[in-house]
Amino acid sequence: MDIQFGHFNQLNWLWLVAAVAATTVAAWVYRRHALRRFATNNLLARLLPKNTSRRLFFRTATALAAMTFLVIGLVDIRWGKTWREVPQKGIEVMFVLDVSRSMLADDATPTRLERAKQQIKDMVDEMTGDRVGLVLFAGEAKQHVPLTRHYTDFKQSLDEVGPYNVQMGGSRLGDAIALAADSFLGKSNDHKAIVVLTDGEDQESSPVEIAQQIHRQQGTRIFTIGLGDMEKGSRIPMGQTASGRRFLEHEGKQVWSKLNGRILEQVALETDGAFVPAGTKQVDMADIYHRYVASVEQQDFETARINAYTPRYQYFVGAALALLLLEIFWPWGSRRNRPNQEQQNGFHNFQSNQQESSQRTAA
């Protein structure tokens, strides 16, 4: 049988059941020792109700079984599949990723590009029904992943991205924003967001003007995330030689790439978005998503037909409830537990013998 566990970690509560069982056994052993110190076995049989130990065992076993069933219910065991119609709702998010050589700078460890990839993954992990796509750019822009809700496939494609995916070197941010805007599936002027991850370098591609036009015509909001050191910058690696690492040079001098936050901030402000100067720091992308991107108005997508496992937790919860009711309302004792006349006479005789023994000792 194909079985799925919704919350397997809830089995940790079985430690509580085991602790209750151990405590009960210890209490039962202590009680037996106490009774043996109080009277002999023959006298205890006359003083105590019949089958006391058996009743105690069954009541304890009933309570422990109920607790065990409750824990199994918390695990959310599922088996058997049924088809369900699930409405899909969310936004369309196009990620625009800079893959130019300047993104290989290592001021943001391990590199700006790898840090940007991880930030995209962290944001996608927070999504539940949004569509995501990917546009790459350097000296030209190209769509790498069309809009999709298959997040696993999206992240696998993202892992393989590098400067080799774009033939022309350089950095044309405006062209990338324009291509991302044309890649949306929805026709209405809402529920769209563009998230740009770059160090801000641009070669006169008019990103601010293009962003303004897109926001005015489509209502698309653009969120920009800047990577790299804004003050000192970092050298751009070009490969490894026998004498060590080789860096990009211009007119005999090494080129230092810095974060250009001014352009990214203007793009975000002109489109009712937000600029995040990540720099070289770790950024909580989950917070960025919920604070900014998730605020974009959602739309209803087509209804999806899902073959999902059927929850069966109600069977175990029902069994636990039945056992608890049995433990509460079953006539374990009451009138049965009252000592009969023979037991009462035996107890009175025991008291009389004790009194006579005390008097003889005092005499």
Protein backbone atom coordinates (compact mmCIF):
# COMPACT_ATOMS: atom_id res chain seq x y z
CA MET A 1 0.00 0.00 0.00
CA ASP A 2 1.30 3.47 -0.96
CA ILE A 3 1.31 5.55 2.26
CA GLN A 4 2.23 9.20 2.77
CA PHE A 5 3.04 10.88 6.10
CA GLY A 6 2.06 14.54 6.36
CA HIS A 7 3.93 15.36 9.59
CA PHE A 8 6.29 12.49 10.34
CA ASN A 9 8.11 14.53 13.02
CA GLN A 10 4.99 14.38 15.23
CA LEU A 11 6.04 10.85 16.15
CA ASN A 12 8.30 12.54 18.70
CA TRP A 13 5.22 12.71 20.95
CA LEU A 14 5.56 8.95 21.45
CA TRP A 15 8.29 9.83 23.96
CA LEU A 16 5.53 11.34 26.10
CA VAL A 17 3.51 8.12 25.86
CA ALA A 18 6.59 6.12 26.87
CA ALA A 19 7.21 8.46 29.82
CA VAL A 20 3.62 8.06 31.04
CA ALA A 21 3.92 4.27 30.71
CA ALA A 22 7.19 4.23 32.68
CA THR A 23 5.72 6.44 35.41
CA THR A 24 2.66 4.19 35.69
CA VAL A 25 4.77 1.05 36.03
CA ALA A 26 6.93 2.70 38.69
CA ALA A 27 3.83 3.79 40.62
CA TRP A 28 2.37 0.27 40.41
CA VAL A 29 5.60 -1.28 41.75
CA TYR A 30 5.76 1.26 44.59
CA ARG A 31 2.13 0.55 45.46
CA ARG A 32 2.73 -3.21 45.65
CA HIS A 33 5.70 -2.71 47.99
CA ALA A 34 3.66 -0.37 50.17
CA LEU A 35 0.78 -2.85 50.42
CA ARG A 36 3.12 -5.69 51.34
CA ARG A 37 4.53 -3.61 54.16
CA PHE A 38 1.00 -2.89 55.33
CA ALA A 39 -0.33 -6.46 55.47
CA THR A 40 0.29 -10.05 54.36
CA ASN A 41 -0.96 -11.39 51.04
CA ASN A 42 -3.75 -13.41 52.65
CA LEU A 43 -5.04 -10.38 54.51
CA LEU A 44 -4.74 -8.10 51.45
CA ALA A 45 -6.91 -10.50 49.49
CA ARG A 46 -9.62 -10.02 52.13
CA LEU A 47 -9.18 -6.24 52.42
CA LEU A 48 -8.91 -5.17 48.78
CA PRO A 49 -11.52 -5.60 46.02
CA LYS A 50 -11.03 -8.53 43.71
CA ASN A 51 -9.10 -8.08 40.47
CA THR A 52 -7.75 -4.68 41.52
CA SER A 53 -4.48 -5.14 39.62
CA ARG A 54 -6.29 -6.34 36.53
CA ARG A 55 -8.63 -3.35 36.50
CA LEU A 56 -5.69 -0.97 36.98
CA PHE A 57 -3.84 -2.64 34.10
CA PHE A 58 -6.75 -2.35 31.68
CA ARG A 59 -7.46 1.29 32.60
CA THR A 60 -3.82 2.19 32.09
CA ALA A 61 -3.60 0.26 28.82
CA THR A 62 -6.76 2.00 27.56
CA ALA A 63 -5.38 5.47 28.33
CA LEU A 64 -1.98 4.69 26.75
CA ALA A 65 -3.62 3.26 23.63
CA ALA A 66 -5.74 6.41 23.30
CA MET A 67 -2.63 8.60 23.56
CA THR A 68 -0.88 6.48 20.93
CA PHE A 69 -3.80 6.81 18.51
CA LEU A 70 -3.79 10.59 19.02
CA VAL A 71 -0.09 10.74 18.12
CA ILE A 72 -0.72 8.69 14.98
CA GLY A 73 -3.51 11.11 14.11
CA LEU A 74 -1.06 14.02 14.41
CA VAL A 75 1.28 12.28 11.95
CA ASP A 76 -1.47 12.74 9.32
CA ILE A 77 -1.23 9.36 7.62
CA ARG A 78 -2.67 9.29 4.09
CA TRP A 79 -3.34 6.49 1.66
CA GLY A 80 -5.44 6.07 -1.44
CA LYS A 81 -5.56 8.85 -4.06
CA THR A 82 -8.50 10.94 -5.24
CA TRP A 83 -8.79 13.61 -7.93
CA ARG A 84 -9.54 17.11 -6.65
CA GLU A 85 -10.14 20.43 -8.40
CA VAL A 86 -7.86 23.04 -6.80
CA PRO A 87 -8.18 26.75 -7.75
CA GLN A 88 -4.83 28.40 -8.45
CA LYS A 89 -4.14 31.96 -7.34
CA GLY A 90 -0.99 34.05 -7.36
CA ILE A 91 1.15 36.49 -9.32
CA GLU A 92 3.55 36.28 -12.23
CA VAL A 93 7.19 36.98 -11.33
CA MET A 94 9.92 37.34 -13.95
CA PHE A 95 13.43 37.18 -12.52
CA VAL A 96 15.99 39.20 -14.48
CA LEU A 97 19.49 37.93 -13.74
CA ASP A 98 22.72 39.64 -14.76
CA VAL A 99 25.22 37.05 -16.05
CA SER A 100 27.88 39.48 -17.29
CA ARG A 101 31.50 38.92 -16.30
CA SER A 102 31.31 41.55 -13.57
CA MET A 103 28.94 39.21 -11.71
CA LEU A 104 31.86 36.81 -11.26
CA ALA A 105 33.47 39.23 -8.79
CA ASP A 106 33.90 37.61 -5.39
CA ASP A 107 33.18 40.54 -3.06
CA ALA A 108 29.86 38.79 -2.42
CA THR A 109 30.88 35.23 -1.60
CA PRO A 110 31.33 32.97 -3.40
CA THR A 111 30.55 35.31 -6.33
CA ARG A 112 27.91 37.90 -7.07
CA LEU A 113 26.29 35.53 -9.55
CA GLU A 114 26.13 32.57 -7.15
CA ARG A 115 24.79 34.82 -4.41
CA ALA A 116 22.09 36.07 -6.79
CA LYS A 117 21.12 32.50 -7.70
CA GLN A 118 20.72 31.60 -4.03
CA GLN A 119 18.63 34.70 -3.41
CA ILE A 120 16.29 33.72 -6.23
CA LYS A 121 15.95 30.21 -4.79
CA ASP A 122 15.24 31.59 -1.32
CA MET A 123 12.46 33.74 -2.74
CA VAL A 124 10.97 30.91 -4.81
CA ASP A 125 10.90 28.72 -1.68
CA GLU A 126 8.41 31.18 -0.16
CA MET A 127 6.00 30.95 -3.10
CA THR A 128 3.00 28.67 -3.21
CA GLY A 129 0.99 29.46 -6.35
CA ASP A 130 2.99 32.11 -8.22
CA ARG A 131 4.35 31.60 -11.71
CA VAL A 132 8.07 32.26 -12.12
CA GLY A 133 10.25 32.82 -15.16
CA LEU A 134 13.87 33.74 -15.84
CA VAL A 135 15.49 36.25 -18.20
CA LEU A 136 19.28 36.39 -18.52
CA PHE A 137 21.20 39.38 -19.78
CA ALA A 138 24.66 40.72 -20.43
CA GLY A 139 25.32 42.45 -23.78
CA GLU A 140 21.99 40.96 -24.94
CA ALA A 141 18.93 39.54 -23.20
CA LYS A 142 17.30 36.13 -23.63
CA GLN A 143 14.47 34.25 -22.00
CA HIS A 144 15.93 31.21 -20.26
CA VAL A 145 12.85 29.80 -18.45
CA PRO A 146 9.24 30.64 -19.49
CA LEU A 147 6.70 31.28 -16.74
CA THR A 148 6.02 28.09 -14.80
CA ARG A 149 4.85 26.77 -11.44
CA HIS A 150 7.26 23.82 -11.50
CA TYR A 151 9.66 25.28 -8.96
CA THR A 152 11.98 22.26 -8.86
CA ASP A 153 12.60 22.38 -12.61
CA PHE A 154 13.04 26.15 -12.41
CA LYS A 155 15.75 25.88 -9.76
CA GLN A 156 17.54 23.12 -11.65
CA SER A 157 17.70 25.35 -14.72
CA LEU A 158 18.90 28.21 -12.54
CA ASP A 159 21.81 26.12 -11.24
CA GLU A 160 23.20 25.73 -14.76
CA VAL A 161 23.24 29.47 -15.54
CA GLY A 162 26.50 31.29 -16.23
CA PRO A 163 28.12 33.92 -18.48
CA TYR A 164 28.31 31.32 -21.26
CA ASN A 165 24.49 31.44 -21.64
CA VAL A 166 24.71 34.86 -23.31
CA GLN A 167 27.01 35.32 -26.29
CA MET A 168 27.57 39.08 -26.20
CA GLY A 169 29.47 40.64 -23.33
CA GLY A 170 28.47 43.89 -21.68
CA SER A 171 25.42 44.88 -19.65
CA ARG A 172 22.16 46.09 -21.22
CA LEU A 173 19.68 46.24 -18.35
CA GLY A 174 17.03 48.13 -20.32
CA ASP A 175 16.78 45.38 -22.96
CA ALA A 176 16.39 42.75 -20.23
CA ILE A 177 13.55 44.65 -18.54
CA ALA A 178 11.75 45.06 -21.86
CA LEU A 179 12.07 41.34 -22.65
CA ALA A 180 10.83 40.37 -19.18
CA ALA A 181 7.75 42.58 -19.64
CA ASP A 182 6.97 40.85 -22.97
CA SER A 183 7.28 37.40 -21.36
CA PHE A 184 4.19 37.62 -19.14
CA LEU A 185 1.25 35.35 -19.94
CA GLY A 186 -1.49 37.45 -18.39
CA LYS A 187 -3.15 40.16 -20.45
CA SER A 188 -4.52 42.33 -17.62
CA ASN A 189 -2.45 45.19 -16.23
CA ASP A 190 -1.84 43.80 -12.73
CA HIS A 191 -0.50 40.74 -10.85
CA LYS A 192 2.91 41.19 -12.54
CA ALA A 193 6.31 41.77 -10.97
CA ILE A 194 9.86 41.91 -12.26
CA VAL A 195 12.73 41.16 -9.86
CA VAL A 196 16.12 42.33 -11.13
CA LEU A 197 19.37 41.01 -9.63
CA THR A 198 22.47 42.81 -10.88
CA ASP A 199 25.43 44.95 -9.86
CA GLY A 200 23.81 47.88 -11.66
CA GLU A 201 26.24 48.33 -14.52
CA ASP A 202 24.56 49.44 -17.76
CA GLN A 203 25.73 50.39 -21.25
CA GLU A 204 23.31 53.17 -22.22
CA SER A 205 20.25 50.91 -22.63
CA SER A 206 17.86 53.44 -20.98
CA PRO A 207 16.60 51.14 -18.19
CA VAL A 208 14.83 53.94 -16.29
CA GLU A 209 12.87 55.17 -19.33
CA ILE A 210 11.90 51.62 -20.36
CA ALA A 211 10.79 50.80 -16.81
CA GLN A 212 8.62 53.94 -16.70
CA GLN A 213 6.93 53.01 -19.97
CA ILE A 214 6.26 49.42 -18.88
CA HIS A 215 4.77 50.52 -15.57
CA ARG A 216 2.58 53.10 -17.29
CA GLN A 217 1.27 50.68 -19.93
CA GLN A 218 1.13 47.40 -18.01
CA GLY A 219 1.17 48.36 -14.35
CA THR A 220 4.16 46.08 -13.80
CA ARG A 221 6.12 46.75 -10.62
CA ILE A 222 9.89 46.30 -10.67
CA PHE A 223 11.95 45.31 -7.64
CA THR A 224 15.72 45.65 -7.87
CA ILE A 225 18.38 43.92 -5.81
CA GLY A 226 21.90 45.30 -6.04
CA LEU A 227 24.93 43.09 -5.44
CA GLY A 228 28.57 44.04 -4.94
CA ASP A 229 30.64 46.43 -2.88
CA MET A 230 29.42 50.00 -3.41
CA GLU A 231 32.59 51.70 -2.08
CA LYS A 232 35.71 49.73 -3.00
CA GLY A 233 34.33 47.24 -5.51
CA SER A 234 36.09 44.10 -6.66
CA ARG A 235 38.26 42.90 -9.51
CA ILE A 236 36.76 40.80 -12.31
CA PRO A 237 38.41 37.37 -12.66
CA MET A 238 39.24 36.22 -16.19
CA GLY A 239 40.68 32.80 -15.46
CA GLN A 240 43.60 30.96 -13.90
CA THR A 241 47.17 31.02 -15.17
CA ALA A 242 50.39 29.32 -14.04
CA SER A 243 51.33 32.46 -12.10
CA GLY A 244 47.92 32.78 -10.43
CA ARG A 245 44.51 34.32 -11.11
CA ARG A 246 44.15 36.71 -14.04
CA PHE A 247 41.84 39.75 -13.81
CA LEU A 248 40.21 41.97 -16.41
CA GLU A 249 42.40 44.90 -17.45
CA HIS A 250 41.80 48.11 -19.39
CA GLU A 251 44.75 50.07 -20.76
CA GLY A 252 47.10 48.04 -18.61
CA LYS A 253 45.18 48.60 -15.36
CA GLN A 254 42.95 46.15 -13.51
CA VAL A 255 39.24 46.97 -13.70
CA TRP A 256 37.37 47.29 -10.39
CA SER A 257 33.60 46.75 -10.54
CA LYS A 258 31.36 48.53 -8.02
CA LEU A 259 27.65 48.33 -7.25
CA ASN A 260 25.82 51.11 -9.12
CA GLY A 261 22.80 51.55 -6.90
CA ARG A 262 21.65 54.85 -8.41
CA ILE A 263 20.16 53.31 -11.58
CA LEU A 264 18.55 50.43 -9.68
CA GLU A 265 16.97 52.79 -7.17
CA GLN A 266 15.53 54.97 -9.95
CA VAL A 267 14.05 51.96 -11.74
CA ALA A 268 12.35 50.80 -8.54
CA LEU A 269 11.01 54.22 -7.56
CA GLU A 270 9.58 54.94 -11.01
CA THR A 271 7.62 51.66 -11.02
CA ASP A 272 6.22 51.65 -7.46
CA GLY A 273 8.68 48.90 -6.57
CA ALA A 274 11.54 48.71 -4.07
CA PHE A 275 15.33 48.80 -4.19
CA VAL A 276 17.27 46.41 -1.95
CA PRO A 277 20.98 47.33 -1.69
CA ALA A 278 22.13 43.84 -0.73
CA GLY A 279 25.77 44.71 -1.43
CA THR A 280 27.95 41.96 -0.01
CA LYS A 281 25.66 41.10 2.91
CA GLN A 282 23.35 38.16 3.39
CA VAL A 283 19.74 39.27 2.83
CA ASP A 284 16.59 37.59 4.15
CA MET A 285 14.86 36.97 0.83
CA ALA A 286 11.82 35.47 2.53
CA ASP A 287 11.25 38.82 4.22
CA ILE A 288 11.84 40.68 0.93
CA TYR A 289 9.25 38.51 -0.80
CA HIS A 290 6.54 38.88 1.85
CA ARG A 291 7.19 42.59 2.41
CA TYR A 292 7.37 43.71 -1.22
CA VAL A 293 6.75 41.17 -3.98
CA ALA A 294 3.81 39.40 -2.32
CA SER A 295 2.02 42.77 -2.02
CA VAL A 296 1.36 42.71 -5.78
CA GLU A 297 -2.32 42.06 -6.45
CA GLN A 298 -2.99 38.40 -7.17
CA GLN A 299 -5.16 36.90 -9.87
CA ASP A 300 -7.04 33.61 -10.27
CA PHE A 301 -5.26 31.22 -12.59
CA GLU A 302 -6.84 28.18 -14.23
CA THR A 303 -8.12 25.45 -11.91
CA ALA A 304 -5.71 22.55 -11.49
CA ARG A 305 -6.82 18.91 -11.20
CA ILE A 306 -4.64 17.22 -8.59
CA ASN A 307 -4.40 13.51 -7.77
CA ALA A 308 -3.82 13.79 -4.02
CA TYR A 309 -3.61 11.31 -1.15
CA THR A 310 -6.71 11.03 1.06
CA PRO A 311 -6.20 11.98 4.74
CA ARG A 312 -7.05 9.16 7.18
CA TYR A 313 -6.24 10.84 10.50
CA GLN A 314 -9.93 10.87 11.51
CA TYR A 315 -9.88 7.08 11.99
CA PHE A 316 -7.14 7.28 14.61
CA VAL A 317 -8.66 10.31 16.35
CA GLY A 318 -12.00 8.48 16.48
CA ALA A 319 -10.37 5.39 17.99
CA ALA A 320 -8.63 7.54 20.61
CA LEU A 321 -11.91 9.26 21.52
CA ALA A 322 -13.71 5.91 21.83
CA LEU A 323 -11.02 4.56 24.16
CA LEU A 324 -11.13 7.69 26.33
CA LEU A 325 -14.92 7.43 26.64
CA LEU A 326 -14.58 3.75 27.52
CA GLU A 327 -12.06 4.59 30.23
CA ILE A 328 -14.34 7.29 31.67
CA PHE A 329 -17.75 5.61 31.58
CA TRP A 330 -16.98 1.88 31.93
CA PRO A 331 -18.07 0.67 35.39
CA TRP A 332 -14.61 -0.42 36.47
CA GLY A 333 -15.38 -0.17 40.15
CA SER A 334 -18.06 1.81 42.01
CA ARG A 335 -20.38 -0.74 43.65
CA ARG A 336 -18.16 -3.65 42.58
CA ASN A 337 -15.20 -2.16 44.34
CA ARG A 338 -17.00 -1.90 47.66
CA PRO A 339 -15.75 -4.59 50.07
CA ASN A 340 -18.32 -7.32 50.76
CA GLN A 341 -19.41 -8.23 54.25
CA GLU A 342 -16.72 -10.89 54.55
CA GLN A 343 -14.02 -8.39 53.63
CA GLN A 344 -15.42 -5.83 56.07
CA ASN A 345 -15.51 -8.46 58.87
CA GLY A 346 -11.92 -9.40 58.04
CA PHE A 347 -10.86 -5.77 58.27
CA HIS A 348 -12.64 -5.35 61.63
CA ASN A 349 -11.04 -8.55 62.90
CA PHE A 350 -7.66 -7.21 61.76
CA GLN A 351 -8.27 -3.98 63.69
CA SER A 352 -9.35 -5.93 66.80
CA ASN A 353 -6.26 -8.14 66.64
CA GLN A 354 -4.08 -5.08 66.30
CA GLN A 355 -5.72 -3.44 69.31
CA GLU A 356 -5.40 -6.57 71.47
CA SER A 357 -1.77 -6.93 70.50
CA SER A 358 -1.14 -3.31 71.47
CA GLN A 359 -2.83 -3.75 74.83
CA ARG A 360 -0.76 -6.86 75.64
CA THR A 361 2.40 -5.03 74.70
CA ALA A 362 1.48 -2.11 76.96
CA ALA A 363 0.71 -4.48 79.87
